[in-house]
Amino acid sequence: MKKEKKLVLIWGGGHCKSVLDAAIRMKCFKEIVIVDNNIPIGTDIMGRKVVGNDDVLPKLYLKGFLNAFITVGSIKSTDRRCDIYRNARKYGFVFPNIIDPSSSVSRYADLGDGVFIGKNAVVNSGVLIGDMSIINTGAIIEHECCIGKFTHISVSAVVCGNCEIGDCTFVGANVTIIQGVKIGMKSVIGAGNVILRNVPENSTVLRGGGVKEKA
């Protein structure tokens, strides 16, 4: 595959390293740089350099870095990712999908823009995944599920068939969501839970299954 595209990763923390590793393994980006508001310029992250804070995004775009990817993770709240997306989009960036080669994504799945699929994740046929969502390491999204925008399915979570997960929702590590369940938008599902029934929007499912709904 000919490498022509240049990519800027926005923020340089732990999630950045996961995304960067996948992007390198994809072998389709000519050059990759990182911007971060807190990490010093010149810092090396896995052989790629931090080149400045988000103030340099317009200059990078003019230098041919037309592709951007949000590499700040989302734990409990997606507000930060949403803000970064709006800021980058106004400069004209497009948001490619970063799909680790070890993952299994059905040719019959439909992915939005800026989606991350981590190592050994499985996305089955008929799945819809919204823009800017994260399907993290080892997560399984079974047939005909609908995953909303800016939603994070965390490590080793299992979403059984025909489920709907709303926008801006966080599903914690090792969660199992039983077939046909609907999770409302802006909800948080605590790690390790087994979800047997629908969860209203703006809810938090605590460890052990208790549900708190925002007023």
Protein backbone atom coordinates (compact mmCIF):
# COMPACT_ATOMS: atom_id res chain seq x y z
CA MET A 1 0.00 0.00 0.00
CA LYS A 2 1.39 3.39 -0.99
CA LYS A 3 1.78 5.75 1.95
CA GLU A 4 0.49 9.21 1.06
CA LYS A 5 -1.60 10.42 3.98
CA LYS A 6 -0.30 12.44 6.90
CA LEU A 7 -1.97 12.04 10.30
CA VAL A 8 -2.07 14.20 13.41
CA LEU A 9 -3.03 12.59 16.71
CA ILE A 10 -4.67 14.96 19.15
CA TRP A 11 -3.42 14.32 22.71
CA GLY A 12 -0.61 12.06 23.75
CA GLY A 13 -1.69 9.96 26.73
CA GLY A 14 -2.25 6.24 27.13
CA HIS A 15 -5.04 5.97 24.58
CA CYS A 16 -2.78 7.73 22.08
CA LYS A 17 -0.27 4.90 22.39
CA SER A 18 -2.93 2.30 21.59
CA VAL A 19 -4.13 4.26 18.56
CA LEU A 20 -0.59 5.04 17.40
CA ASP A 21 0.39 1.38 17.54
CA ALA A 22 -2.61 0.47 15.39
CA ALA A 23 -1.94 3.33 12.95
CA ILE A 24 1.66 2.22 12.49
CA ARG A 25 0.57 -1.37 11.93
CA MET A 26 -1.92 -0.24 9.28
CA LYS A 27 1.03 0.98 7.15
CA CYS A 28 -1.00 3.62 5.33
CA PHE A 29 0.26 6.90 6.83
CA LYS A 30 3.35 8.61 5.43
CA GLU A 31 3.89 10.71 8.54
CA ILE A 32 2.33 10.82 12.01
CA VAL A 33 2.73 13.62 14.55
CA ILE A 34 1.13 14.36 17.92
CA VAL A 35 -0.23 17.54 19.49
CA ASP A 36 -0.80 17.89 23.22
CA ASN A 37 -1.34 20.89 25.49
CA ASN A 38 0.67 19.41 28.38
CA ILE A 39 3.53 17.40 26.85
CA PRO A 40 6.70 19.32 25.87
CA ILE A 41 7.45 19.88 22.20
CA GLY A 42 9.93 17.31 20.92
CA THR A 43 8.84 14.54 23.26
CA ASP A 44 9.17 11.16 21.56
CA ILE A 45 6.19 8.83 21.76
CA MET A 46 6.86 5.49 20.09
CA GLY A 47 9.10 7.12 17.50
CA ARG A 48 6.72 9.99 16.72
CA LYS A 49 7.17 13.55 17.94
CA VAL A 50 4.97 15.96 19.85
CA VAL A 51 5.05 19.07 17.63
CA GLY A 52 3.06 21.52 19.74
CA ASN A 53 -0.31 22.14 21.33
CA ASP A 54 -3.66 22.42 19.59
CA ASP A 55 -2.79 25.96 18.47
CA VAL A 56 -0.63 24.42 15.73
CA LEU A 57 -3.50 22.48 14.16
CA PRO A 58 -4.20 25.10 11.44
CA LYS A 59 -0.52 25.16 10.43
CA LEU A 60 -0.38 21.36 10.31
CA TYR A 61 -3.42 21.28 8.05
CA LEU A 62 -1.73 23.71 5.64
CA LYS A 63 1.35 21.44 5.66
CA GLY A 64 -0.70 18.54 4.35
CA PHE A 65 -1.78 16.90 7.59
CA LEU A 66 -5.37 16.61 6.39
CA ASN A 67 -6.24 13.68 8.65
CA ALA A 68 -6.75 13.99 12.39
CA PHE A 69 -7.65 11.48 15.08
CA ILE A 70 -8.78 12.16 18.63
CA THR A 71 -6.55 10.17 20.97
CA VAL A 72 -7.88 11.24 24.33
CA GLY A 73 -9.90 8.41 25.84
CA SER A 74 -13.33 8.81 27.37
CA ILE A 75 -13.99 7.52 30.86
CA LYS A 76 -17.45 8.43 32.16
CA SER A 77 -17.67 11.66 30.13
CA THR A 78 -17.22 12.23 26.40
CA ASP A 79 -17.35 16.03 26.67
CA ARG A 80 -13.63 16.47 26.14
CA ARG A 81 -13.61 14.34 22.99
CA CYS A 82 -16.59 16.27 21.63
CA ASP A 83 -14.86 19.61 22.25
CA ILE A 84 -11.65 18.46 20.55
CA TYR A 85 -13.63 17.19 17.57
CA ARG A 86 -15.47 20.48 17.10
CA ASN A 87 -12.22 22.42 17.35
CA ALA A 88 -10.37 20.25 14.82
CA ARG A 89 -13.25 20.03 12.39
CA LYS A 90 -13.47 23.80 11.96
CA TYR A 91 -9.98 23.74 10.40
CA GLY A 92 -11.07 21.24 7.76
CA PHE A 93 -9.59 18.00 9.08
CA VAL A 94 -11.11 14.69 8.08
CA PHE A 95 -11.24 11.80 10.54
CA PRO A 96 -10.15 8.38 9.25
CA ASN A 97 -10.93 5.15 11.01
CA ILE A 98 -8.02 3.49 12.82
CA ILE A 99 -8.56 -0.26 12.80
CA ASP A 100 -5.93 -2.51 14.34
CA PRO A 101 -5.02 -5.28 11.89
CA SER A 102 -5.54 -7.91 14.60
CA SER A 103 -9.23 -7.01 14.91
CA SER A 104 -12.02 -8.69 12.97
CA VAL A 105 -14.47 -6.28 11.34
CA SER A 106 -17.19 -7.66 9.09
CA ARG A 107 -17.34 -6.27 5.58
CA TYR A 108 -21.07 -5.93 6.29
CA ALA A 109 -20.57 -3.59 9.25
CA ASP A 110 -21.06 0.16 8.75
CA LEU A 111 -18.57 2.43 10.51
CA GLY A 112 -18.82 6.21 10.82
CA ASP A 113 -15.83 8.55 10.80
CA GLY A 114 -13.01 8.65 13.34
CA VAL A 115 -13.79 5.21 14.80
CA PHE A 116 -11.09 3.29 16.68
CA ILE A 117 -11.16 -0.52 16.67
CA GLY A 118 -8.56 -1.94 19.07
CA LYS A 119 -6.55 -5.12 19.16
CA ASN A 120 -8.50 -8.39 18.86
CA ALA A 121 -11.86 -6.61 18.87
CA VAL A 122 -14.70 -8.19 16.91
CA VAL A 123 -17.36 -6.25 15.00
CA ASN A 124 -19.88 -8.57 13.41
CA SER A 125 -22.20 -8.27 10.42
CA GLY A 126 -24.97 -5.68 10.36
CA VAL A 127 -23.36 -3.54 13.07
CA LEU A 128 -23.61 0.26 12.88
CA ILE A 129 -20.95 2.29 14.73
CA GLY A 130 -21.33 6.05 15.03
CA ASP A 131 -18.68 8.71 14.48
CA MET A 132 -15.79 9.04 16.94
CA SER A 133 -16.60 5.90 18.89
CA ILE A 134 -14.07 3.58 20.53
CA ILE A 135 -14.31 -0.20 20.36
CA ASN A 136 -11.43 -1.04 22.66
CA THR A 137 -9.12 -4.02 23.05
CA GLY A 138 -10.90 -7.36 22.89
CA ALA A 139 -14.43 -5.92 22.85
CA ILE A 140 -17.09 -7.87 20.96
CA ILE A 141 -19.96 -6.19 19.12
CA GLU A 142 -22.33 -8.86 17.88
CA HIS A 143 -24.65 -8.87 14.87
CA GLU A 144 -27.02 -5.97 14.13
CA CYS A 145 -26.03 -3.78 17.07
CA CYS A 146 -26.21 -0.01 16.82
CA ILE A 147 -23.46 1.89 18.67
CA GLY A 148 -23.99 5.65 18.95
CA LYS A 149 -21.61 8.53 18.28
CA PHE A 150 -18.81 9.30 20.76
CA THR A 151 -19.51 6.05 22.61
CA HIS A 152 -16.77 3.99 24.26
CA ILE A 153 -17.05 0.21 24.50
CA SER A 154 -14.24 -0.62 26.87
CA VAL A 155 -11.79 -3.49 27.13
CA SER A 156 -13.30 -7.00 26.80
CA ALA A 157 -16.90 -5.77 26.95
CA VAL A 158 -19.44 -7.94 25.11
CA VAL A 159 -22.47 -6.42 23.40
CA CYS A 160 -24.74 -9.24 22.29
CA GLY A 161 -26.84 -9.12 19.14
CA ASN A 162 -29.50 -6.49 18.32
CA CYS A 163 -28.51 -4.12 21.12
CA GLU A 164 -28.68 -0.33 20.89
CA ILE A 165 -26.15 1.83 22.73
CA GLY A 166 -26.90 5.56 22.71
CA ASP A 167 -24.61 8.46 21.88
CA CYS A 168 -21.94 9.56 24.37
CA THR A 169 -22.24 6.42 26.50
CA PHE A 170 -19.43 4.63 28.34
CA VAL A 171 -19.54 0.83 28.70
CA GLY A 172 -16.92 -0.33 31.19
CA ALA A 173 -14.45 -3.18 31.01
CA ASN A 174 -15.83 -6.74 31.04
CA VAL A 175 -19.44 -5.61 30.84
CA THR A 176 -21.87 -8.02 29.17
CA ILE A 177 -25.01 -6.58 27.58
CA ILE A 178 -27.58 -9.25 26.82
CA GLN A 179 -29.23 -9.51 23.40
CA GLY A 180 -31.78 -6.86 22.48
CA VAL A 181 -31.06 -4.48 25.37
CA LYS A 182 -31.18 -0.71 24.79
CA ILE A 183 -28.83 1.64 26.67
CA GLY A 184 -29.84 5.31 26.64
CA MET A 185 -27.51 8.11 25.60
CA LYS A 186 -25.05 9.71 28.03
CA SER A 187 -25.10 6.70 30.33
CA VAL A 188 -22.27 4.98 32.21
CA ILE A 189 -22.18 1.21 32.70
CA GLY A 190 -19.75 0.29 35.47
CA ALA A 191 -17.12 -2.37 34.90
CA GLY A 192 -18.10 -6.02 35.19
CA ASN A 193 -21.87 -5.59 35.11
CA VAL A 194 -24.24 -7.93 33.29
CA ILE A 195 -27.05 -5.83 31.79
CA LEU A 196 -30.27 -7.79 31.38
CA ARG A 197 -32.78 -4.98 30.79
CA ASN A 198 -32.98 -1.55 29.18
CA VAL A 199 -31.17 1.38 30.81
CA PRO A 200 -32.67 4.91 30.55
CA GLU A 201 -30.60 7.76 29.18
CA ASN A 202 -28.40 9.75 31.57
CA SER A 203 -28.14 6.75 33.90
CA THR A 204 -25.21 5.26 35.79
CA VAL A 205 -25.21 1.52 36.43
CA LEU A 206 -23.08 0.98 39.51
CA ARG A 207 -20.95 -2.04 40.19
CA GLY A 208 -23.40 -4.69 41.34
CA GLY A 209 -26.20 -3.47 39.09
CA GLY A 210 -27.73 -0.55 40.98
CA VAL A 211 -28.99 2.23 38.70
CA LYS A 212 -28.75 5.97 39.36
CA GLU A 213 -30.69 8.26 37.04
CA LYS A 214 -29.87 11.95 36.73
CA ALA A 215 -32.69 14.26 37.74
